[in-house]
């Protein structure tokens, strides 16, 4: 009787071990599939961030030139406005109208300069954010590849 119980216990243990070994590869396959999907998702995100970064970085020089041009135009418009205003003080009604028009042009040029500065600052902030996202995503990807 003891032999039968011992034999039964051994067979039961072997059956449990064989089922466990059968389950482990299935679980491992699911884990590998999840890991593969996660890595693919991170790689896609990384490629997307790099594409966005390239696009924004290519816009920075254009916006820098636009800012320089807008600044020069604003400075010139302000000088013209000041000159027209000083002429209007001693001039007639047409000089006053001209001074008013030049002041409006100077205000518009100043607004354009301000808008160009905002675009350039926005580009720079976007570059910083994208670089941080790229770094964070790359670290996650490296962690998954190591683990």
Foldseek 3Di string as FASTA:
>chain_A
DVVVVVVVVVVVVVVVVVVVVVVVVVVVVVVVVVLVVVLVVLVVVLVVLVVVLVVLVVCLVVLVVQLVVLVVQLVVLVVVLVVLVVCVVPDDPVSVVVSVVSVVSNVVSVVSNVVSVVSNVVSVVSNVVSVVVNVVSVVVSVVSVVD
